Amino acid sequence: MATSEPGLIRLLTEKMAYLGQRQAVLAQNVANANTPGYKAKDLAPFSFSDALKETQSGMRTTDPRHIIPASMAGVNAATKRARSFETVPSGNSVELEQQMMQVSNTAVDYQAVTAMYRKFIGLFRTAIGK
């Protein structure tokens, strides 16, 4: 990701990337709902304060060909085992109702973030006279 973006746009795009990753992890959980021994996964929660600290760091890439340091590659991309309240006899810990609620919440969050992104871009366009 280019670091020349204004801070708010960068935070919003990182949040959208996180939500996209989360949808993929949740979809994987649903797809493996009947796989014996499969343990449900989720992403570590997105933290705006952690993302903000990264945008304020002194490290910057000045050329698109530069290698991005791991600390700037993305926020909260690590998957972890999801807390599950049920495990079926086959060892599977996916609760479809819980997964579908999380998918729905993630979709709503994504829509809210994209609405904020559009609004910010609209304000930006107004400011430059387009």
N, C-alpha and C. Protein backbone atom coordinates (compact mmCIF):
# COMPACT_ATOMS: atom_id res chain seq x y z
N MET A 1 0.84 -1.17 0.00
CA MET A 1 0.00 0.00 0.00
C MET A 1 0.89 1.24 0.00
N ALA A 2 0.53 2.21 -0.79
CA ALA A 2 1.32 3.43 -0.84
C ALA A 2 1.16 4.21 0.44
N THR A 3 2.24 4.79 0.90
CA THR A 3 2.18 5.54 2.15
C THR A 3 1.94 7.02 1.91
N SER A 4 1.72 7.41 0.64
CA SER A 4 1.48 8.82 0.34
C SER A 4 0.02 9.20 0.55
N GLU A 5 -0.83 8.24 0.89
CA GLU A 5 -2.24 8.51 1.13
C GLU A 5 -2.42 9.28 2.43
N PRO A 6 -3.41 10.17 2.47
CA PRO A 6 -3.70 10.84 3.75
C PRO A 6 -4.04 9.81 4.82
N GLY A 7 -3.77 10.14 6.07
CA GLY A 7 -3.95 9.21 7.18
C GLY A 7 -5.31 8.56 7.27
N LEU A 8 -6.39 9.34 7.13
CA LEU A 8 -7.73 8.78 7.27
C LEU A 8 -8.03 7.80 6.14
N ILE A 9 -7.63 8.13 4.93
CA ILE A 9 -7.87 7.22 3.81
C ILE A 9 -7.13 5.91 4.05
N ARG A 10 -5.91 6.01 4.52
CA ARG A 10 -5.12 4.81 4.78
C ARG A 10 -5.78 3.95 5.87
N LEU A 11 -6.24 4.59 6.93
CA LEU A 11 -6.91 3.83 8.00
C LEU A 11 -8.16 3.15 7.48
N LEU A 12 -8.93 3.86 6.66
CA LEU A 12 -10.15 3.27 6.12
C LEU A 12 -9.84 2.11 5.18
N THR A 13 -8.82 2.25 4.34
CA THR A 13 -8.48 1.15 3.44
C THR A 13 -7.93 -0.04 4.22
N GLU A 14 -7.18 0.21 5.30
CA GLU A 14 -6.71 -0.90 6.13
C GLU A 14 -7.88 -1.61 6.80
N LYS A 15 -8.86 -0.85 7.25
CA LYS A 15 -10.05 -1.46 7.87
C LYS A 15 -10.81 -2.29 6.84
N MET A 16 -10.94 -1.77 5.60
CA MET A 16 -11.63 -2.53 4.56
C MET A 16 -10.86 -3.80 4.22
N ALA A 17 -9.54 -3.73 4.18
CA ALA A 17 -8.73 -4.91 3.91
C ALA A 17 -8.90 -5.94 5.02
N TYR A 18 -8.91 -5.46 6.27
CA TYR A 18 -9.12 -6.35 7.41
C TYR A 18 -10.48 -7.04 7.30
N LEU A 19 -11.53 -6.27 6.99
CA LEU A 19 -12.87 -6.84 6.90
C LEU A 19 -12.97 -7.85 5.75
N GLY A 20 -12.27 -7.58 4.66
CA GLY A 20 -12.22 -8.54 3.55
C GLY A 20 -11.54 -9.84 3.97
N GLN A 21 -10.43 -9.71 4.71
CA GLN A 21 -9.75 -10.90 5.22
C GLN A 21 -10.65 -11.67 6.18
N ARG A 22 -11.38 -10.94 7.00
CA ARG A 22 -12.25 -11.59 7.98
C ARG A 22 -13.37 -12.36 7.28
N GLN A 23 -13.93 -11.76 6.22
CA GLN A 23 -14.99 -12.45 5.48
C GLN A 23 -14.44 -13.76 4.90
N ALA A 24 -13.20 -13.74 4.41
CA ALA A 24 -12.59 -14.95 3.84
C ALA A 24 -12.41 -16.03 4.92
N VAL A 25 -11.98 -15.63 6.10
CA VAL A 25 -11.79 -16.58 7.20
C VAL A 25 -13.13 -17.16 7.63
N LEU A 26 -14.14 -16.31 7.75
CA LEU A 26 -15.47 -16.78 8.14
C LEU A 26 -16.06 -17.70 7.08
N ALA A 27 -15.85 -17.38 5.80
CA ALA A 27 -16.33 -18.25 4.72
C ALA A 27 -15.64 -19.61 4.79
N GLN A 28 -14.36 -19.61 5.14
CA GLN A 28 -13.64 -20.87 5.29
C GLN A 28 -14.24 -21.69 6.44
N ASN A 29 -14.62 -21.02 7.52
CA ASN A 29 -15.25 -21.71 8.64
C ASN A 29 -16.56 -22.36 8.20
N VAL A 30 -17.39 -21.60 7.48
CA VAL A 30 -18.69 -22.13 7.03
C VAL A 30 -18.47 -23.30 6.08
N ALA A 31 -17.49 -23.16 5.18
CA ALA A 31 -17.22 -24.23 4.22
C ALA A 31 -16.76 -25.51 4.91
N ASN A 32 -16.14 -25.39 6.07
CA ASN A 32 -15.65 -26.55 6.80
C ASN A 32 -16.54 -26.94 7.97
N ALA A 33 -17.79 -26.53 7.93
CA ALA A 33 -18.71 -26.80 9.05
C ALA A 33 -18.89 -28.29 9.31
N ASN A 34 -18.71 -29.13 8.32
CA ASN A 34 -18.89 -30.58 8.50
C ASN A 34 -17.57 -31.35 8.46
N THR A 35 -16.45 -30.65 8.48
CA THR A 35 -15.15 -31.31 8.43
C THR A 35 -14.76 -31.77 9.84
N PRO A 36 -14.57 -33.06 10.02
CA PRO A 36 -14.20 -33.56 11.36
C PRO A 36 -12.90 -32.93 11.85
N GLY A 37 -12.90 -32.50 13.09
CA GLY A 37 -11.71 -31.95 13.73
C GLY A 37 -11.39 -30.51 13.37
N TYR A 38 -12.17 -29.89 12.49
CA TYR A 38 -11.88 -28.50 12.10
C TYR A 38 -12.23 -27.56 13.24
N LYS A 39 -11.33 -26.64 13.53
CA LYS A 39 -11.54 -25.65 14.57
C LYS A 39 -11.81 -24.29 13.92
N ALA A 40 -12.88 -23.64 14.33
CA ALA A 40 -13.24 -22.33 13.78
C ALA A 40 -12.14 -21.32 14.05
N LYS A 41 -11.94 -20.41 13.08
CA LYS A 41 -10.91 -19.38 13.19
C LYS A 41 -11.54 -18.00 13.06
N ASP A 42 -10.81 -17.01 13.49
CA ASP A 42 -11.22 -15.62 13.33
C ASP A 42 -9.95 -14.78 13.30
N LEU A 43 -10.09 -13.52 12.93
CA LEU A 43 -8.94 -12.62 12.96
C LEU A 43 -8.90 -11.89 14.28
N ALA A 44 -7.71 -11.49 14.69
CA ALA A 44 -7.58 -10.63 15.87
C ALA A 44 -8.34 -9.35 15.58
N PRO A 45 -9.01 -8.76 16.55
CA PRO A 45 -9.80 -7.55 16.29
C PRO A 45 -8.95 -6.41 15.72
N PHE A 46 -9.55 -5.66 14.81
CA PHE A 46 -8.87 -4.51 14.22
C PHE A 46 -8.81 -3.41 15.26
N SER A 47 -7.67 -2.79 15.36
CA SER A 47 -7.48 -1.72 16.33
C SER A 47 -7.08 -0.45 15.60
N PHE A 48 -7.97 0.56 15.62
CA PHE A 48 -7.64 1.82 14.98
C PHE A 48 -6.43 2.47 15.64
N SER A 49 -6.29 2.31 16.95
CA SER A 49 -5.14 2.94 17.62
C SER A 49 -3.83 2.32 17.15
N ASP A 50 -3.80 0.98 16.96
CA ASP A 50 -2.59 0.34 16.44
C ASP A 50 -2.32 0.78 15.00
N ALA A 51 -3.38 0.85 14.20
CA ALA A 51 -3.21 1.28 12.81
C ALA A 51 -2.74 2.73 12.75
N LEU A 52 -3.25 3.56 13.65
CA LEU A 52 -2.85 4.97 13.69
C LEU A 52 -1.37 5.10 14.07
N LYS A 53 -0.93 4.27 15.01
CA LYS A 53 0.49 4.29 15.40
C LYS A 53 1.37 3.94 14.21
N GLU A 54 0.92 2.98 13.39
CA GLU A 54 1.70 2.59 12.22
C GLU A 54 1.76 3.70 11.19
N THR A 55 0.67 4.45 11.04
CA THR A 55 0.68 5.53 10.04
C THR A 55 1.53 6.69 10.51
N GLN A 56 1.77 6.80 11.81
CA GLN A 56 2.58 7.88 12.34
C GLN A 56 4.04 7.49 12.52
N SER A 57 4.39 6.27 12.12
CA SER A 57 5.78 5.84 12.29
C SER A 57 6.68 6.61 11.35
N GLY A 58 7.95 6.63 11.66
CA GLY A 58 8.91 7.35 10.86
C GLY A 58 9.28 6.64 9.57
N MET A 59 8.98 5.35 9.46
CA MET A 59 9.35 4.61 8.26
C MET A 59 8.37 4.92 7.14
N ARG A 60 8.92 5.20 5.97
CA ARG A 60 8.11 5.46 4.80
C ARG A 60 8.76 4.81 3.59
N THR A 61 7.94 4.36 2.66
CA THR A 61 8.48 3.88 1.40
C THR A 61 8.38 5.04 0.43
N THR A 62 9.47 5.33 -0.25
CA THR A 62 9.50 6.47 -1.16
C THR A 62 9.43 6.05 -2.61
N ASP A 63 9.43 4.75 -2.86
CA ASP A 63 9.39 4.23 -4.21
C ASP A 63 8.54 2.96 -4.19
N PRO A 64 7.65 2.76 -5.18
CA PRO A 64 6.80 1.56 -5.16
C PRO A 64 7.59 0.26 -5.25
N ARG A 65 8.86 0.32 -5.66
CA ARG A 65 9.67 -0.88 -5.75
C ARG A 65 10.34 -1.25 -4.43
N HIS A 66 10.20 -0.41 -3.42
CA HIS A 66 10.79 -0.71 -2.11
C HIS A 66 10.05 -1.86 -1.44
N ILE A 67 10.78 -2.60 -0.64
CA ILE A 67 10.18 -3.68 0.12
C ILE A 67 9.53 -3.05 1.34
N ILE A 68 8.27 -3.40 1.57
CA ILE A 68 7.54 -2.85 2.70
C ILE A 68 7.91 -3.64 3.95
N PRO A 69 8.34 -2.96 5.03
CA PRO A 69 8.65 -3.66 6.27
C PRO A 69 7.42 -4.38 6.82
N ALA A 70 7.65 -5.46 7.52
CA ALA A 70 6.54 -6.25 8.07
C ALA A 70 5.63 -5.40 8.94
N SER A 71 6.19 -4.42 9.63
CA SER A 71 5.37 -3.58 10.51
C SER A 71 4.42 -2.70 9.73
N MET A 72 4.66 -2.52 8.43
CA MET A 72 3.79 -1.68 7.62
C MET A 72 2.94 -2.50 6.65
N ALA A 73 3.08 -3.81 6.67
CA ALA A 73 2.41 -4.66 5.68
C ALA A 73 0.92 -4.79 5.93
N GLY A 74 0.44 -4.54 7.10
CA GLY A 74 -0.98 -4.67 7.39
C GLY A 74 -1.18 -4.81 8.88
N VAL A 75 -2.36 -4.50 9.32
CA VAL A 75 -2.67 -4.55 10.74
C VAL A 75 -3.59 -5.74 10.99
N ASN A 76 -3.29 -6.52 12.02
CA ASN A 76 -4.16 -7.61 12.47
C ASN A 76 -4.46 -8.65 11.41
N ALA A 77 -3.47 -9.02 10.63
CA ALA A 77 -3.70 -10.02 9.60
C ALA A 77 -3.59 -11.45 10.16
N ALA A 78 -3.27 -11.60 11.43
CA ALA A 78 -3.06 -12.93 12.01
C ALA A 78 -4.39 -13.58 12.37
N THR A 79 -4.54 -14.84 11.95
CA THR A 79 -5.72 -15.59 12.34
C THR A 79 -5.47 -16.24 13.69
N LYS A 80 -6.54 -16.47 14.41
CA LYS A 80 -6.45 -17.13 15.70
C LYS A 80 -7.62 -18.08 15.80
N ARG A 81 -7.55 -18.96 16.74
CA ARG A 81 -8.67 -19.87 16.96
C ARG A 81 -9.84 -19.10 17.57
N ALA A 82 -11.00 -19.28 17.01
CA ALA A 82 -12.19 -18.59 17.52
C ALA A 82 -12.70 -19.30 18.76
N ARG A 83 -13.28 -18.51 19.65
CA ARG A 83 -13.89 -19.11 20.85
C ARG A 83 -15.16 -19.82 20.43
N SER A 84 -15.30 -21.03 20.85
CA SER A 84 -16.48 -21.81 20.51
C SER A 84 -17.11 -22.35 21.79
N PHE A 85 -18.42 -22.32 21.80
CA PHE A 85 -19.13 -22.81 22.98
C PHE A 85 -19.61 -24.24 22.78
N GLU A 86 -19.52 -24.73 21.56
CA GLU A 86 -19.96 -26.09 21.26
C GLU A 86 -18.91 -26.79 20.42
N THR A 87 -18.74 -28.05 20.65
CA THR A 87 -17.92 -28.89 19.80
C THR A 87 -18.70 -30.18 19.60
N VAL A 88 -18.91 -30.55 18.35
CA VAL A 88 -19.66 -31.77 18.04
C VAL A 88 -18.75 -32.97 18.27
N PRO A 89 -19.32 -34.18 18.36
CA PRO A 89 -18.50 -35.37 18.62
C PRO A 89 -17.35 -35.58 17.62
N SER A 90 -17.49 -35.07 16.38
CA SER A 90 -16.42 -35.23 15.40
C SER A 90 -15.25 -34.29 15.66
N GLY A 91 -15.39 -33.39 16.65
CA GLY A 91 -14.33 -32.45 16.98
C GLY A 91 -14.44 -31.11 16.28
N ASN A 92 -15.47 -30.93 15.47
CA ASN A 92 -15.66 -29.68 14.74
C ASN A 92 -16.26 -28.64 15.68
N SER A 93 -15.70 -27.41 15.66
CA SER A 93 -16.17 -26.38 16.57
C SER A 93 -16.90 -25.23 15.86
N VAL A 94 -17.30 -25.44 14.60
CA VAL A 94 -17.99 -24.39 13.84
C VAL A 94 -19.47 -24.37 14.21
N GLU A 95 -19.95 -23.23 14.68
CA GLU A 95 -21.37 -23.03 14.95
C GLU A 95 -21.90 -22.16 13.83
N LEU A 96 -22.72 -22.73 12.95
CA LEU A 96 -23.17 -21.99 11.77
C LEU A 96 -23.92 -20.72 12.11
N GLU A 97 -24.75 -20.73 13.13
CA GLU A 97 -25.49 -19.53 13.50
C GLU A 97 -24.55 -18.40 13.91
N GLN A 98 -23.55 -18.74 14.71
CA GLN A 98 -22.57 -17.75 15.15
C GLN A 98 -21.77 -17.22 13.96
N GLN A 99 -21.35 -18.11 13.07
CA GLN A 99 -20.59 -17.69 11.89
C GLN A 99 -21.42 -16.77 10.99
N MET A 100 -22.68 -17.10 10.81
CA MET A 100 -23.53 -16.27 9.94
C MET A 100 -23.78 -14.89 10.57
N MET A 101 -23.89 -14.83 11.89
CA MET A 101 -24.01 -13.52 12.55
C MET A 101 -22.74 -12.71 12.36
N GLN A 102 -21.58 -13.35 12.47
CA GLN A 102 -20.32 -12.65 12.28
C GLN A 102 -20.15 -12.19 10.83
N VAL A 103 -20.58 -13.01 9.87
CA VAL A 103 -20.54 -12.63 8.46
C VAL A 103 -21.41 -11.40 8.24
N SER A 104 -22.60 -11.41 8.82
CA SER A 104 -23.52 -10.28 8.68
C SER A 104 -22.95 -9.02 9.31
N ASN A 105 -22.41 -9.13 10.51
CA ASN A 105 -21.81 -7.97 11.19
C ASN A 105 -20.63 -7.42 10.40
N THR A 106 -19.83 -8.31 9.84
CA THR A 106 -18.68 -7.88 9.05
C THR A 106 -19.14 -7.15 7.79
N ALA A 107 -20.19 -7.65 7.15
CA ALA A 107 -20.73 -6.99 5.95
C ALA A 107 -21.26 -5.59 6.29
N VAL A 108 -21.94 -5.46 7.41
CA VAL A 108 -22.46 -4.15 7.83
C VAL A 108 -21.31 -3.20 8.14
N ASP A 109 -20.28 -3.69 8.83
CA ASP A 109 -19.10 -2.87 9.11
C ASP A 109 -18.43 -2.42 7.82
N TYR A 110 -18.33 -3.33 6.85
CA TYR A 110 -17.70 -3.00 5.57
C TYR A 110 -18.49 -1.91 4.85
N GLN A 111 -19.82 -2.02 4.86
CA GLN A 111 -20.66 -1.00 4.23
C GLN A 111 -20.48 0.35 4.92
N ALA A 112 -20.38 0.36 6.23
CA ALA A 112 -20.18 1.61 6.97
C ALA A 112 -18.83 2.25 6.63
N VAL A 113 -17.79 1.43 6.57
CA VAL A 113 -16.46 1.96 6.27
C VAL A 113 -16.41 2.48 4.84
N THR A 114 -17.02 1.76 3.89
CA THR A 114 -17.01 2.24 2.51
C THR A 114 -17.82 3.52 2.37
N ALA A 115 -18.90 3.66 3.15
CA ALA A 115 -19.67 4.91 3.13
C ALA A 115 -18.81 6.07 3.64
N MET A 116 -18.05 5.83 4.71
CA MET A 116 -17.14 6.87 5.22
C MET A 116 -16.07 7.21 4.18
N TYR A 117 -15.54 6.20 3.53
CA TYR A 117 -14.51 6.39 2.51
C TYR A 117 -15.06 7.24 1.36
N ARG A 118 -16.26 6.87 0.88
CA ARG A 118 -16.88 7.65 -0.20
C ARG A 118 -17.12 9.10 0.21
N LYS A 119 -17.59 9.29 1.43
CA LYS A 119 -17.86 10.65 1.92
C LYS A 119 -16.57 11.46 1.98
N PHE A 120 -15.50 10.85 2.48
CA PHE A 120 -14.22 11.54 2.57
C PHE A 120 -13.69 11.89 1.18
N ILE A 121 -13.80 10.96 0.23
CA ILE A 121 -13.36 11.23 -1.14
C ILE A 121 -14.21 12.33 -1.76
N GLY A 122 -15.52 12.34 -1.47
CA GLY A 122 -16.40 13.40 -1.96
C GLY A 122 -15.99 14.76 -1.41
N LEU A 123 -15.65 14.82 -0.14
CA LEU A 123 -15.18 16.07 0.45
C LEU A 123 -13.86 16.50 -0.18
N PHE A 124 -13.01 15.55 -0.43
CA PHE A 124 -11.72 15.82 -1.07
C PHE A 124 -11.94 16.41 -2.47
N ARG A 125 -12.86 15.81 -3.23
CA ARG A 125 -13.16 16.30 -4.59
C ARG A 125 -13.76 17.71 -4.53
N THR A 126 -14.62 17.95 -3.57
CA THR A 126 -15.20 19.28 -3.41
C THR A 126 -14.11 20.30 -3.12
N ALA A 127 -13.17 19.92 -2.27
CA ALA A 127 -12.09 20.82 -1.89
C ALA A 127 -11.20 21.19 -3.08
N ILE A 128 -11.00 20.24 -3.99
CA ILE A 128 -10.14 20.56 -5.14
C ILE A 128 -10.93 21.07 -6.34
N GLY A 129 -12.25 21.17 -6.19
CA GLY A 129 -13.08 21.79 -7.20
C GLY A 129 -13.55 20.89 -8.33
N LYS A 130 -13.71 19.61 -8.07
CA LYS A 130 -14.21 18.70 -9.11
C LYS A 130 -15.60 18.25 -8.79
